[in-house]
Amino acid sequence: MLFTKKIPSLRLWLLIVLFVLLFGVAGYMLIEGYNFFDALYMAVITITTIGYHEIRPLSDAGRLFNIVFIVTSFTTFTYVLARLTQYVISGELTRDFTQKRLMQQLAKKRGHVIVCGFGRNGQQAAKTLRAHKIDFVIIEKNADILQQHNDPSLVYLTGDATEDEVLIAAGIERANSLLVSLPEDADNVFIVLSARSLNPGLNIISRASTVSATAKLYKAGANHVVMPDLIGGTHMATLVSKPDVIEFIDFLSGEDGESIHIEAVGYHKLPPVMRDKTLKEIMDWKKTGVNCIGVKDENGKFCINPPDDIVIGKDMKVIVLGTKEQIAEMKRNVGE
């Protein structure tokens, strides 16, 4: 969808046609003294050039007005018809209806993810979000990139993500997270600054190409900064040193492992009866088959394979691993 503020062409042309029709009605009523219905009839048969006789002979002033009205209406309607034909054939009509549909979808979104940039990183992020059934919106400046995918299920804006109005149109104020994956670090810093001011509680994850840009992105308000080249190199080296472990992690995060999920259950999500209890008590409560693989304490530090007697207190989270069905059942339980 091209993000613009232009007046819809179809509505404008219909207003022009209506204006010409009212001009004719007013002229016949004022000059010839016709009532509204007779004036409307005369205006319609004149515009459409049907050739019916006048209701009664026109005066000289009426004939002069009729000449002006015929020339005006013929010229206007010829132009409008040509523009309407071009409007339909060029696909602009379809695009306008698509834009309206997408804007309606955007207005309903709450707690979604906004992906800025639909290059390689953005496409992979969208693919993973879709695999985990997370609602997202794409902002991409290059319309050709989006057209290459030709996916009607994508909700997107074709615009510059560095502009506040584009972020607002994507629902930045109602969004849960923002993924910034533009190739230029300067653009990413600018987007992070704008997004943080528009939504102070937003979870912002940005791409960076250099170490210096990483520091700037954190200062701008990013929660997390990812360097794809660094991760890629580390991943390749680890495939040599620990191939089985990396393959397993890839399985969990890839499409093949879609049925396997890792979830973080926060203290505030636990039922009141399970708060400030030991890990064993929490995991034994309404068992669903999930396994605890870690705990995040109130200081943000992780404890892998935590002891059963650790107490889950305020601001702590339990990291669990299980199948898609087990995780879904666990969420239903903690939601009670």
C-alpha atoms as a PDB file:
ATOM      1  CA  MET A   1       0.000   0.000   0.000  1.00  0.00           C
ATOM      2  CA  LEU A   2       1.403   3.374  -0.964  1.00  0.00           C
ATOM      3  CA  PHE A   3       1.146   5.705   1.999  1.00  0.00           C
ATOM      4  CA  THR A   4      -0.188   9.004   0.634  1.00  0.00           C
ATOM      5  CA  LYS A   5      -2.705  11.670   1.579  1.00  0.00           C
ATOM      6  CA  LYS A   6      -4.182  12.370  -1.860  1.00  0.00           C
ATOM      7  CA  ILE A   7      -7.915  12.768  -2.353  1.00  0.00           C
ATOM      8  CA  PRO A   8      -9.323   9.590  -3.917  1.00  0.00           C
ATOM      9  CA  SER A   9      -9.680  10.236  -7.680  1.00  0.00           C
ATOM     10  CA  LEU A  10     -13.016   8.456  -7.985  1.00  0.00           C
ATOM     11  CA  ARG A  11     -14.641  10.647  -5.355  1.00  0.00           C
ATOM     12  CA  LEU A  12     -13.211  13.808  -6.941  1.00  0.00           C
ATOM     13  CA  TRP A  13     -14.515  12.938 -10.401  1.00  0.00           C
ATOM     14  CA  LEU A  14     -17.974  12.143  -9.066  1.00  0.00           C
ATOM     15  CA  LEU A  15     -18.027  15.553  -7.381  1.00  0.00           C
ATOM     16  CA  ILE A  16     -17.113  17.215 -10.699  1.00  0.00           C
ATOM     17  CA  VAL A  17     -19.982  15.411 -12.471  1.00  0.00           C
ATOM     18  CA  LEU A  18     -22.406  16.420  -9.726  1.00  0.00           C
ATOM     19  CA  PHE A  19     -21.245  20.040  -9.922  1.00  0.00           C
ATOM     20  CA  VAL A  20     -21.829  20.171 -13.697  1.00  0.00           C
ATOM     21  CA  LEU A  21     -25.301  18.653 -13.263  1.00  0.00           C
ATOM     22  CA  LEU A  22     -26.247  21.179 -10.557  1.00  0.00           C
ATOM     23  CA  PHE A  23     -24.862  23.993 -12.724  1.00  0.00           C
ATOM     24  CA  GLY A  24     -27.286  23.000 -15.494  1.00  0.00           C
ATOM     25  CA  VAL A  25     -30.251  22.640 -13.138  1.00  0.00           C
ATOM     26  CA  ALA A  26     -29.602  26.064 -11.610  1.00  0.00           C
ATOM     27  CA  GLY A  27     -29.261  27.686 -15.043  1.00  0.00           C
ATOM     28  CA  TYR A  28     -32.553  26.328 -16.386  1.00  0.00           C
ATOM     29  CA  MET A  29     -34.389  27.286 -13.213  1.00  0.00           C
ATOM     30  CA  LEU A  30     -33.056  30.850 -13.130  1.00  0.00           C
ATOM     31  CA  ILE A  31     -33.113  31.654 -16.838  1.00  0.00           C
ATOM     32  CA  GLU A  32     -36.159  29.699 -18.069  1.00  0.00           C
ATOM     33  CA  GLY A  33     -38.136  29.545 -14.831  1.00  0.00           C
ATOM     34  CA  TYR A  34     -38.369  25.732 -14.843  1.00  0.00           C
ATOM     35  CA  ASN A  35     -39.271  23.915 -11.660  1.00  0.00           C
ATOM     36  CA  PHE A  36     -36.601  21.630 -10.203  1.00  0.00           C
ATOM     37  CA  PHE A  37     -37.841  18.426 -11.849  1.00  0.00           C
ATOM     38  CA  ASP A  38     -38.137  20.019 -15.324  1.00  0.00           C
ATOM     39  CA  ALA A  39     -34.702  21.624 -14.922  1.00  0.00           C
ATOM     40  CA  LEU A  40     -33.191  18.290 -13.873  1.00  0.00           C
ATOM     41  CA  TYR A  41     -34.783  16.571 -16.871  1.00  0.00           C
ATOM     42  CA  MET A  42     -33.385  19.189 -19.258  1.00  0.00           C
ATOM     43  CA  ALA A  43     -29.922  18.971 -17.677  1.00  0.00           C
ATOM     44  CA  VAL A  44     -29.822  15.163 -17.982  1.00  0.00           C
ATOM     45  CA  ILE A  45     -30.955  14.997 -21.642  1.00  0.00           C
ATOM     46  CA  THR A  46     -28.500  17.769 -22.526  1.00  0.00           C
ATOM     47  CA  ILE A  47     -25.547  16.128 -20.777  1.00  0.00           C
ATOM     48  CA  THR A  48     -26.278  12.703 -22.250  1.00  0.00           C
ATOM     49  CA  THR A  49     -26.963  14.196 -25.737  1.00  0.00           C
ATOM     50  CA  ILE A  50     -30.052  11.981 -26.116  1.00  0.00           C
ATOM     51  CA  GLY A  51     -31.728  14.550 -28.360  1.00  0.00           C
ATOM     52  CA  TYR A  52     -35.207  14.784 -26.838  1.00  0.00           C
ATOM     53  CA  HIS A  53     -37.110  18.032 -27.469  1.00  0.00           C
ATOM     54  CA  GLU A  54     -37.085  20.788 -24.897  1.00  0.00           C
ATOM     55  CA  ILE A  55     -39.985  20.984 -22.484  1.00  0.00           C
ATOM     56  CA  ARG A  56     -40.847  24.272 -24.160  1.00  0.00           C
ATOM     57  CA  PRO A  57     -38.965  26.538 -26.606  1.00  0.00           C
ATOM     58  CA  LEU A  58     -35.996  28.242 -25.058  1.00  0.00           C
ATOM     59  CA  SER A  59     -35.534  31.996 -24.948  1.00  0.00           C
ATOM     60  CA  ASP A  60     -32.473  33.620 -26.526  1.00  0.00           C
ATOM     61  CA  ALA A  61     -30.823  33.769 -23.109  1.00  0.00           C
ATOM     62  CA  GLY A  62     -31.789  30.116 -22.556  1.00  0.00           C
ATOM     63  CA  ARG A  63     -30.266  29.080 -25.911  1.00  0.00           C
ATOM     64  CA  LEU A  64     -27.042  30.915 -25.093  1.00  0.00           C
ATOM     65  CA  PHE A  65     -26.896  29.184 -21.721  1.00  0.00           C
ATOM     66  CA  ASN A  66     -27.639  25.857 -23.398  1.00  0.00           C
ATOM     67  CA  ILE A  67     -24.674  26.337 -25.774  1.00  0.00           C
ATOM     68  CA  VAL A  68     -22.355  27.054 -22.848  1.00  0.00           C
ATOM     69  CA  PHE A  69     -23.782  24.139 -20.869  1.00  0.00           C
ATOM     70  CA  ILE A  70     -23.437  21.675 -23.775  1.00  0.00           C
ATOM     71  CA  VAL A  71     -19.801  22.617 -24.402  1.00  0.00           C
ATOM     72  CA  THR A  72     -18.972  22.543 -20.678  1.00  0.00           C
ATOM     73  CA  SER A  73     -20.710  19.265 -19.944  1.00  0.00           C
ATOM     74  CA  PHE A  74     -19.398  17.502 -23.083  1.00  0.00           C
ATOM     75  CA  THR A  75     -15.812  18.552 -22.356  1.00  0.00           C
ATOM     76  CA  THR A  76     -16.068  17.623 -18.688  1.00  0.00           C
ATOM     77  CA  PHE A  77     -17.700  14.248 -19.253  1.00  0.00           C
ATOM     78  CA  THR A  78     -15.262  13.320 -22.023  1.00  0.00           C
ATOM     79  CA  TYR A  79     -12.357  14.049 -19.688  1.00  0.00           C
ATOM     80  CA  VAL A  80     -13.944  12.225 -16.758  1.00  0.00           C
ATOM     81  CA  LEU A  81     -14.746   9.168 -18.889  1.00  0.00           C
ATOM     82  CA  ALA A  82     -11.174   9.041 -20.171  1.00  0.00           C
ATOM     83  CA  ARG A  83      -9.781   9.343 -16.647  1.00  0.00           C
ATOM     84  CA  LEU A  84     -12.168   6.711 -15.289  1.00  0.00           C
ATOM     85  CA  THR A  85     -11.131   4.316 -18.049  1.00  0.00           C
ATOM     86  CA  GLN A  86      -7.476   4.900 -17.253  1.00  0.00           C
ATOM     87  CA  TYR A  87      -8.247   4.584 -13.531  1.00  0.00           C
ATOM     88  CA  VAL A  88      -9.705   1.110 -14.010  1.00  0.00           C
ATOM     89  CA  ILE A  89      -7.309  -0.205 -16.679  1.00  0.00           C
ATOM     90  CA  SER A  90      -4.148   0.967 -14.876  1.00  0.00           C
ATOM     91  CA  GLY A  91      -5.145  -0.930 -11.745  1.00  0.00           C
ATOM     92  CA  GLU A  92      -5.418   2.213  -9.642  1.00  0.00           C
ATOM     93  CA  LEU A  93      -8.991   1.310  -8.679  1.00  0.00           C
ATOM     94  CA  THR A  94      -7.818  -2.056  -7.341  1.00  0.00           C
ATOM     95  CA  ARG A  95      -4.964  -0.404  -5.468  1.00  0.00           C
ATOM     96  CA  ASP A  96      -7.319   2.119  -3.850  1.00  0.00           C
ATOM     97  CA  PHE A  97      -9.653  -0.639  -2.641  1.00  0.00           C
ATOM     98  CA  THR A  98      -6.636  -2.611  -1.398  1.00  0.00           C
ATOM     99  CA  GLN A  99      -5.376   0.485   0.436  1.00  0.00           C
ATOM    100  CA  LYS A 100      -8.737   0.982   2.115  1.00  0.00           C
ATOM    101  CA  ARG A 101      -8.844  -2.672   3.172  1.00  0.00           C
ATOM    102  CA  LEU A 102      -5.306  -2.547   4.583  1.00  0.00           C
ATOM    103  CA  MET A 103      -5.980   0.681   6.486  1.00  0.00           C
ATOM    104  CA  GLN A 104      -9.030  -0.963   8.067  1.00  0.00           C
ATOM    105  CA  GLN A 105      -6.872  -3.936   9.080  1.00  0.00           C
ATOM    106  CA  LEU A 106      -4.207  -1.655  10.544  1.00  0.00           C
ATOM    107  CA  ALA A 107      -6.783   0.262  12.582  1.00  0.00           C
ATOM    108  CA  LYS A 108      -7.834  -2.978  14.308  1.00  0.00           C
ATOM    109  CA  LYS A 109      -4.348  -4.189  15.228  1.00  0.00           C
ATOM    110  CA  ARG A 110      -3.263  -4.246  18.854  1.00  0.00           C
ATOM    111  CA  GLY A 111      -0.094  -5.701  20.350  1.00  0.00           C
ATOM    112  CA  HIS A 112       1.409  -6.472  16.932  1.00  0.00           C
ATOM    113  CA  VAL A 113       4.981  -6.364  15.660  1.00  0.00           C
ATOM    114  CA  ILE A 114       6.190  -3.779  13.122  1.00  0.00           C
ATOM    115  CA  VAL A 115       8.977  -4.881  10.773  1.00  0.00           C
ATOM    116  CA  CYS A 116      10.869  -1.945   9.235  1.00  0.00           C
ATOM    117  CA  GLY A 117      12.635  -3.045   6.057  1.00  0.00           C
ATOM    118  CA  PHE A 118      11.805  -6.111   3.989  1.00  0.00           C
ATOM    119  CA  GLY A 119      15.278  -7.093   2.853  1.00  0.00           C
ATOM    120  CA  ARG A 120      16.883 -10.430   3.722  1.00  0.00           C
ATOM    121  CA  ASN A 121      16.711  -9.855   7.469  1.00  0.00           C
ATOM    122  CA  GLY A 122      13.192  -8.462   7.359  1.00  0.00           C
ATOM    123  CA  GLN A 123      11.948 -11.337   5.220  1.00  0.00           C
ATOM    124  CA  GLN A 124      13.435 -13.917   7.565  1.00  0.00           C
ATOM    125  CA  ALA A 125      11.940 -12.126  10.570  1.00  0.00           C
ATOM    126  CA  ALA A 126       8.511 -12.087   8.906  1.00  0.00           C
ATOM    127  CA  LYS A 127       8.844 -15.781   8.055  1.00  0.00           C
ATOM    128  CA  THR A 128       9.629 -16.678  11.662  1.00  0.00           C
ATOM    129  CA  LEU A 129       6.869 -14.442  13.059  1.00  0.00           C
ATOM    130  CA  ARG A 130       4.364 -16.074  10.727  1.00  0.00           C
ATOM    131  CA  ALA A 131       5.562 -19.560  11.738  1.00  0.00           C
ATOM    132  CA  HIS A 132       4.860 -18.676  15.371  1.00  0.00           C
ATOM    133  CA  LYS A 133       1.532 -17.036  14.480  1.00  0.00           C
ATOM    134  CA  ILE A 134       2.586 -13.573  15.688  1.00  0.00           C
ATOM    135  CA  ASP A 135       0.704 -10.686  14.093  1.00  0.00           C
ATOM    136  CA  PHE A 136       2.966  -8.249  12.223  1.00  0.00           C
ATOM    137  CA  VAL A 137       2.999  -5.277   9.836  1.00  0.00           C
ATOM    138  CA  ILE A 138       5.725  -4.531   7.283  1.00  0.00           C
ATOM    139  CA  ILE A 139       7.058  -1.088   6.350  1.00  0.00           C
ATOM    140  CA  GLU A 140       9.105  -1.067   3.141  1.00  0.00           C
ATOM    141  CA  LYS A 141      10.127   1.917   1.030  1.00  0.00           C
ATOM    142  CA  ASN A 142      10.711  -0.054  -2.188  1.00  0.00           C
ATOM    143  CA  ALA A 143       7.350  -1.196  -3.599  1.00  0.00           C
ATOM    144  CA  ASP A 144       9.075  -3.541  -6.070  1.00  0.00           C
ATOM    145  CA  ILE A 145      10.379  -5.711  -3.229  1.00  0.00           C
ATOM    146  CA  LEU A 146       6.853  -6.261  -1.908  1.00  0.00           C
ATOM    147  CA  GLN A 147       5.427  -6.894  -5.380  1.00  0.00           C
ATOM    148  CA  GLN A 148       8.003  -9.620  -5.973  1.00  0.00           C
ATOM    149  CA  HIS A 149       6.449 -11.640  -3.152  1.00  0.00           C
ATOM    150  CA  ASN A 150       2.860 -11.054  -4.307  1.00  0.00           C
ATOM    151  CA  ASP A 151       1.477 -12.371  -1.020  1.00  0.00           C
ATOM    152  CA  PRO A 152      -2.081 -11.094  -0.395  1.00  0.00           C
ATOM    153  CA  SER A 153      -1.887 -12.101   3.266  1.00  0.00           C
ATOM    154  CA  LEU A 154       0.871  -9.574   4.003  1.00  0.00           C
ATOM    155  CA  VAL A 155      -0.211  -6.392   5.758  1.00  0.00           C
ATOM    156  CA  TYR A 156       2.215  -3.678   4.725  1.00  0.00           C
ATOM    157  CA  LEU A 157       2.872   0.014   4.171  1.00  0.00           C
ATOM    158  CA  THR A 158       4.958   1.262   1.276  1.00  0.00           C
ATOM    159  CA  GLY A 159       6.661   4.260   2.829  1.00  0.00           C
ATOM    160  CA  ASP A 160       9.694   5.646   4.608  1.00  0.00           C
ATOM    161  CA  ALA A 161       9.906   4.242   8.141  1.00  0.00           C
ATOM    162  CA  THR A 162      12.001   7.237   9.229  1.00  0.00           C
ATOM    163  CA  GLU A 163       8.868   9.403   8.966  1.00  0.00           C
ATOM    164  CA  ASP A 164       6.688   9.579  12.071  1.00  0.00           C
ATOM    165  CA  GLU A 165       3.443   9.594  10.099  1.00  0.00           C
ATOM    166  CA  VAL A 166       4.316   6.234   8.519  1.00  0.00           C
ATOM    167  CA  LEU A 167       5.088   4.691  11.913  1.00  0.00           C
ATOM    168  CA  ILE A 168       1.823   6.067  13.308  1.00  0.00           C
ATOM    169  CA  ALA A 169      -0.101   4.646  10.334  1.00  0.00           C
ATOM    170  CA  ALA A 170       1.459   1.239  11.093  1.00  0.00           C
ATOM    171  CA  GLY A 171       0.061   1.469  14.637  1.00  0.00           C
ATOM    172  CA  ILE A 172       3.312   2.190  16.496  1.00  0.00           C
ATOM    173  CA  GLU A 173       1.370   3.529  19.484  1.00  0.00           C
ATOM    174  CA  ARG A 174      -0.538   0.224  19.802  1.00  0.00           C
ATOM    175  CA  ALA A 175       2.304  -2.126  18.840  1.00  0.00           C
ATOM    176  CA  ASN A 176       4.120  -4.508  21.161  1.00  0.00           C
ATOM    177  CA  SER A 177       7.481  -4.675  19.373  1.00  0.00           C
ATOM    178  CA  LEU A 178       9.461  -3.048  16.567  1.00  0.00           C
ATOM    179  CA  LEU A 179      12.050  -4.839  14.425  1.00  0.00           C
ATOM    180  CA  VAL A 180      14.334  -2.389  12.593  1.00  0.00           C
ATOM    181  CA  SER A 181      16.313  -4.045   9.782  1.00  0.00           C
ATOM    182  CA  LEU A 182      17.252  -1.285   7.331  1.00  0.00           C
ATOM    183  CA  PRO A 183      20.716  -1.597   5.747  1.00  0.00           C
ATOM    184  CA  GLU A 184      21.883   1.881   6.844  1.00  0.00           C
ATOM    185  CA  ASP A 185      22.741   2.259  10.535  1.00  0.00           C
ATOM    186  CA  ALA A 186      21.891   5.990  10.476  1.00  0.00           C
ATOM    187  CA  ASP A 187      18.340   5.212   9.355  1.00  0.00           C
ATOM    188  CA  ASN A 188      17.993   2.570  12.062  1.00  0.00           C
ATOM    189  CA  VAL A 189      19.115   5.031  14.759  1.00  0.00           C
ATOM    190  CA  PHE A 190      16.620   7.627  13.500  1.00  0.00           C
ATOM    191  CA  ILE A 191      13.752   5.103  13.508  1.00  0.00           C
ATOM    192  CA  VAL A 192      14.601   3.916  17.016  1.00  0.00           C
ATOM    193  CA  LEU A 193      14.603   7.533  18.286  1.00  0.00           C
ATOM    194  CA  SER A 194      11.231   8.251  16.682  1.00  0.00           C
ATOM    195  CA  ALA A 195       9.659   4.982  17.822  1.00  0.00           C
ATOM    196  CA  ARG A 196      10.815   5.421  21.418  1.00  0.00           C
ATOM    197  CA  SER A 197       9.264   8.897  21.581  1.00  0.00           C
ATOM    198  CA  LEU A 198       5.996   7.656  20.065  1.00  0.00           C
ATOM    199  CA  ASN A 199       5.725   4.588  22.322  1.00  0.00           C
ATOM    200  CA  PRO A 200       7.919   4.664  25.465  1.00  0.00           C
ATOM    201  CA  GLY A 201       6.986   1.086  26.409  1.00  0.00           C
ATOM    202  CA  LEU A 202       7.758  -0.431  23.010  1.00  0.00           C
ATOM    203  CA  ASN A 203      10.142  -3.394  22.748  1.00  0.00           C
ATOM    204  CA  ILE A 204      12.639  -2.284  20.078  1.00  0.00           C
ATOM    205  CA  ILE A 205      15.061  -4.687  18.391  1.00  0.00           C
ATOM    206  CA  SER A 206      17.396  -3.209  15.799  1.00  0.00           C
ATOM    207  CA  ARG A 207      19.952  -4.429  13.300  1.00  0.00           C
ATOM    208  CA  ALA A 208      23.462  -2.935  13.323  1.00  0.00           C
ATOM    209  CA  SER A 209      26.380  -3.228  10.916  1.00  0.00           C
ATOM    210  CA  THR A 210      29.153  -1.880  13.150  1.00  0.00           C
ATOM    211  CA  VAL A 211      30.085  -1.908  16.838  1.00  0.00           C
ATOM    212  CA  SER A 212      29.932   1.901  17.002  1.00  0.00           C
ATOM    213  CA  ALA A 213      26.376   1.853  15.667  1.00  0.00           C
ATOM    214  CA  THR A 214      25.426  -0.650  18.376  1.00  0.00           C
ATOM    215  CA  ALA A 215      26.262   1.841  21.140  1.00  0.00           C
ATOM    216  CA  LYS A 216      24.309   4.603  19.385  1.00  0.00           C
ATOM    217  CA  LEU A 217      21.254   2.384  18.951  1.00  0.00           C
ATOM    218  CA  TYR A 218      21.206   1.547  22.651  1.00  0.00           C
ATOM    219  CA  LYS A 219      21.467   5.255  23.490  1.00  0.00           C
ATOM    220  CA  ALA A 220      18.619   5.979  21.056  1.00  0.00           C
ATOM    221  CA  GLY A 221      16.366   3.597  22.990  1.00  0.00           C
ATOM    222  CA  ALA A 222      16.755   0.107  21.512  1.00  0.00           C
ATOM    223  CA  ASN A 223      16.165  -2.782  23.921  1.00  0.00           C
ATOM    224  CA  HIS A 224      18.271  -5.177  21.886  1.00  0.00           C
ATOM    225  CA  VAL A 225      20.753  -4.746  19.032  1.00  0.00           C
ATOM    226  CA  VAL A 226      21.686  -7.580  16.662  1.00  0.00           C
ATOM    227  CA  MET A 227      24.719  -7.704  14.363  1.00  0.00           C
ATOM    228  CA  PRO A 228      23.868 -10.288  11.658  1.00  0.00           C
ATOM    229  CA  ASP A 229      27.471 -10.625  10.442  1.00  0.00           C
ATOM    230  CA  LEU A 230      28.745 -11.284  13.965  1.00  0.00           C
ATOM    231  CA  ILE A 231      26.018 -13.822  14.658  1.00  0.00           C
ATOM    232  CA  GLY A 232      26.577 -15.492  11.295  1.00  0.00           C
ATOM    233  CA  GLY A 233      30.306 -15.890  11.885  1.00  0.00           C
ATOM    234  CA  THR A 234      29.795 -17.213  15.401  1.00  0.00           C
ATOM    235  CA  HIS A 235      27.151 -19.609  14.153  1.00  0.00           C
ATOM    236  CA  MET A 236      29.451 -20.990  11.460  1.00  0.00           C
ATOM    237  CA  ALA A 237      32.336 -21.488  13.895  1.00  0.00           C
ATOM    238  CA  THR A 238      30.095 -23.169  16.457  1.00  0.00           C
ATOM    239  CA  LEU A 239      28.870 -25.593  13.800  1.00  0.00           C
ATOM    240  CA  VAL A 240      32.463 -26.854  13.763  1.00  0.00           C
ATOM    241  CA  SER A 241      32.964 -27.001  17.536  1.00  0.00           C
ATOM    242  CA  LYS A 242      29.450 -28.054  18.612  1.00  0.00           C
ATOM    243  CA  PRO A 243      27.565 -29.168  15.466  1.00  0.00           C
ATOM    244  CA  ASP A 244      24.891 -31.277  17.163  1.00  0.00           C
ATOM    245  CA  VAL A 245      23.967 -28.548  19.642  1.00  0.00           C
ATOM    246  CA  ILE A 246      23.664 -25.889  16.938  1.00  0.00           C
ATOM    247  CA  GLU A 247      21.661 -28.190  14.696  1.00  0.00           C
ATOM    248  CA  PHE A 248      19.266 -28.807  17.570  1.00  0.00           C
ATOM    249  CA  ILE A 249      18.893 -25.076  18.235  1.00  0.00           C
ATOM    250  CA  ASP A 250      18.302 -24.496  14.505  1.00  0.00           C
ATOM    251  CA  PHE A 251      15.655 -27.199  14.611  1.00  0.00           C
ATOM    252  CA  LEU A 252      13.881 -25.458  17.492  1.00  0.00           C
ATOM    253  CA  SER A 253      13.923 -22.041  15.829  1.00  0.00           C
ATOM    254  CA  GLY A 254      13.293 -23.166  12.232  1.00  0.00           C
ATOM    255  CA  GLU A 255      10.195 -24.313  10.422  1.00  0.00           C
ATOM    256  CA  ASP A 256      10.928 -27.992  11.069  1.00  0.00           C
ATOM    257  CA  GLY A 257      10.753 -27.320  14.786  1.00  0.00           C
ATOM    258  CA  GLU A 258       7.556 -25.307  14.612  1.00  0.00           C
ATOM    259  CA  SER A 259       5.840 -27.750  16.981  1.00  0.00           C
ATOM    260  CA  ILE A 260       8.538 -27.164  19.644  1.00  0.00           C
ATOM    261  CA  HIS A 261       8.241 -23.953  21.636  1.00  0.00           C
ATOM    262  CA  ILE A 262      10.200 -22.140  24.322  1.00  0.00           C
ATOM    263  CA  GLU A 263       8.192 -19.744  26.458  1.00  0.00           C
ATOM    264  CA  ALA A 264       8.945 -17.375  29.332  1.00  0.00           C
ATOM    265  CA  VAL A 265       6.298 -17.337  32.062  1.00  0.00           C
ATOM    266  CA  GLY A 266       6.549 -14.230  34.212  1.00  0.00           C
ATOM    267  CA  TYR A 267       5.675 -13.955  37.874  1.00  0.00           C
ATOM    268  CA  HIS A 268       2.684 -11.731  37.101  1.00  0.00           C
ATOM    269  CA  LYS A 269       1.299 -14.399  34.750  1.00  0.00           C
ATOM    270  CA  LEU A 270       1.284 -17.086  37.412  1.00  0.00           C
ATOM    271  CA  PRO A 271      -2.005 -17.746  39.244  1.00  0.00           C
ATOM    272  CA  PRO A 272      -2.032 -16.044  42.683  1.00  0.00           C
ATOM    273  CA  VAL A 273      -1.854 -19.422  44.435  1.00  0.00           C
ATOM    274  CA  MET A 274       1.418 -20.220  42.629  1.00  0.00           C
ATOM    275  CA  ARG A 275       3.243 -16.966  43.263  1.00  0.00           C
ATOM    276  CA  ASP A 276       6.190 -16.989  45.659  1.00  0.00           C
ATOM    277  CA  LYS A 277       6.271 -20.785  45.481  1.00  0.00           C
ATOM    278  CA  THR A 278       9.178 -23.093  44.719  1.00  0.00           C
ATOM    279  CA  LEU A 279       9.915 -24.141  41.158  1.00  0.00           C
ATOM    280  CA  LYS A 280       8.937 -27.736  41.958  1.00  0.00           C
ATOM    281  CA  GLU A 281       5.501 -26.643  43.228  1.00  0.00           C
ATOM    282  CA  ILE A 282       4.919 -24.553  40.115  1.00  0.00           C
ATOM    283  CA  MET A 283       6.000 -27.285  37.693  1.00  0.00           C
ATOM    284  CA  ASP A 284       3.934 -29.943  39.531  1.00  0.00           C
ATOM    285  CA  TRP A 285       0.805 -27.747  39.461  1.00  0.00           C
ATOM    286  CA  LYS A 286      -1.521 -29.011  36.720  1.00  0.00           C
ATOM    287  CA  LYS A 287       1.231 -30.785  34.822  1.00  0.00           C
ATOM    288  CA  THR A 288       1.202 -30.331  31.054  1.00  0.00           C
ATOM    289  CA  GLY A 289       4.494 -32.043  30.210  1.00  0.00           C
ATOM    290  CA  VAL A 290       6.591 -28.887  29.759  1.00  0.00           C
ATOM    291  CA  ASN A 291      10.116 -28.811  31.187  1.00  0.00           C
ATOM    292  CA  CYS A 292      11.846 -25.933  32.939  1.00  0.00           C
ATOM    293  CA  ILE A 293      15.188 -25.167  31.295  1.00  0.00           C
ATOM    294  CA  GLY A 294      15.997 -21.958  33.118  1.00  0.00           C
ATOM    295  CA  VAL A 295      14.981 -19.119  35.384  1.00  0.00           C
ATOM    296  CA  LYS A 296      15.525 -15.389  34.921  1.00  0.00           C
ATOM    297  CA  ASP A 297      15.921 -13.606  38.238  1.00  0.00           C
ATOM    298  CA  GLU A 298      14.838 -10.102  39.233  1.00  0.00           C
ATOM    299  CA  ASN A 299      18.204  -8.712  38.115  1.00  0.00           C
ATOM    300  CA  GLY A 300      17.895 -10.132  34.604  1.00  0.00           C
ATOM    301  CA  LYS A 301      20.409 -12.945  35.146  1.00  0.00           C
ATOM    302  CA  PHE A 302      19.710 -16.467  33.927  1.00  0.00           C
ATOM    303  CA  CYS A 303      20.073 -19.663  35.898  1.00  0.00           C
ATOM    304  CA  ILE A 304      20.264 -22.765  33.702  1.00  0.00           C
ATOM    305  CA  ASN A 305      18.787 -25.993  35.098  1.00  0.00           C
ATOM    306  CA  PRO A 306      17.741 -24.256  38.334  1.00  0.00           C
ATOM    307  CA  PRO A 307      17.260 -26.272  41.546  1.00  0.00           C
ATOM    308  CA  ASP A 308      13.740 -27.359  42.462  1.00  0.00           C
ATOM    309  CA  ASP A 309      13.765 -25.385  45.704  1.00  0.00           C
ATOM    310  CA  ILE A 310      14.349 -21.984  44.074  1.00  0.00           C
ATOM    311  CA  VAL A 311      11.482 -19.611  44.920  1.00  0.00           C
ATOM    312  CA  ILE A 312       9.905 -17.733  41.992  1.00  0.00           C
ATOM    313  CA  GLY A 313       9.364 -14.221  43.277  1.00  0.00           C
ATOM    314  CA  LYS A 314       8.399 -10.862  41.862  1.00  0.00           C
ATOM    315  CA  ASP A 315      10.019  -9.834  38.528  1.00  0.00           C
ATOM    316  CA  MET A 316      11.282 -13.394  37.942  1.00  0.00           C
ATOM    317  CA  LYS A 317      10.490 -15.591  34.942  1.00  0.00           C
ATOM    318  CA  VAL A 318      10.408 -19.326  34.327  1.00  0.00           C
ATOM    319  CA  ILE A 319      11.726 -20.500  30.928  1.00  0.00           C
ATOM    320  CA  VAL A 320       9.959 -23.671  29.787  1.00  0.00           C
ATOM    321  CA  LEU A 321      10.323 -25.996  26.800  1.00  0.00           C
ATOM    322  CA  GLY A 322       7.538 -28.108  25.317  1.00  0.00           C
ATOM    323  CA  THR A 323       5.466 -28.971  22.295  1.00  0.00           C
ATOM    324  CA  LYS A 324       3.025 -26.517  20.793  1.00  0.00           C
ATOM    325  CA  GLU A 325       0.112 -28.314  22.445  1.00  0.00           C
ATOM    326  CA  GLN A 326       1.804 -28.482  25.845  1.00  0.00           C
ATOM    327  CA  ILE A 327       2.643 -24.782  25.773  1.00  0.00           C
ATOM    328  CA  ALA A 328      -0.940 -23.925  24.769  1.00  0.00           C
ATOM    329  CA  GLU A 329      -2.321 -25.961  27.673  1.00  0.00           C
ATOM    330  CA  MET A 330       0.142 -24.331  30.059  1.00  0.00           C
ATOM    331  CA  LYS A 331      -1.006 -20.866  28.920  1.00  0.00           C
ATOM    332  CA  ARG A 332      -4.622 -21.858  29.541  1.00  0.00           C
ATOM    333  CA  ASN A 333      -3.694 -23.024  33.025  1.00  0.00           C
ATOM    334  CA  VAL A 334      -1.744 -19.917  34.027  1.00  0.00           C
ATOM    335  CA  GLY A 335      -4.516 -17.788  32.568  1.00  0.00           C
ATOM    336  CA  GLU A 336      -7.031 -19.105  35.047  1.00  0.00           C
END
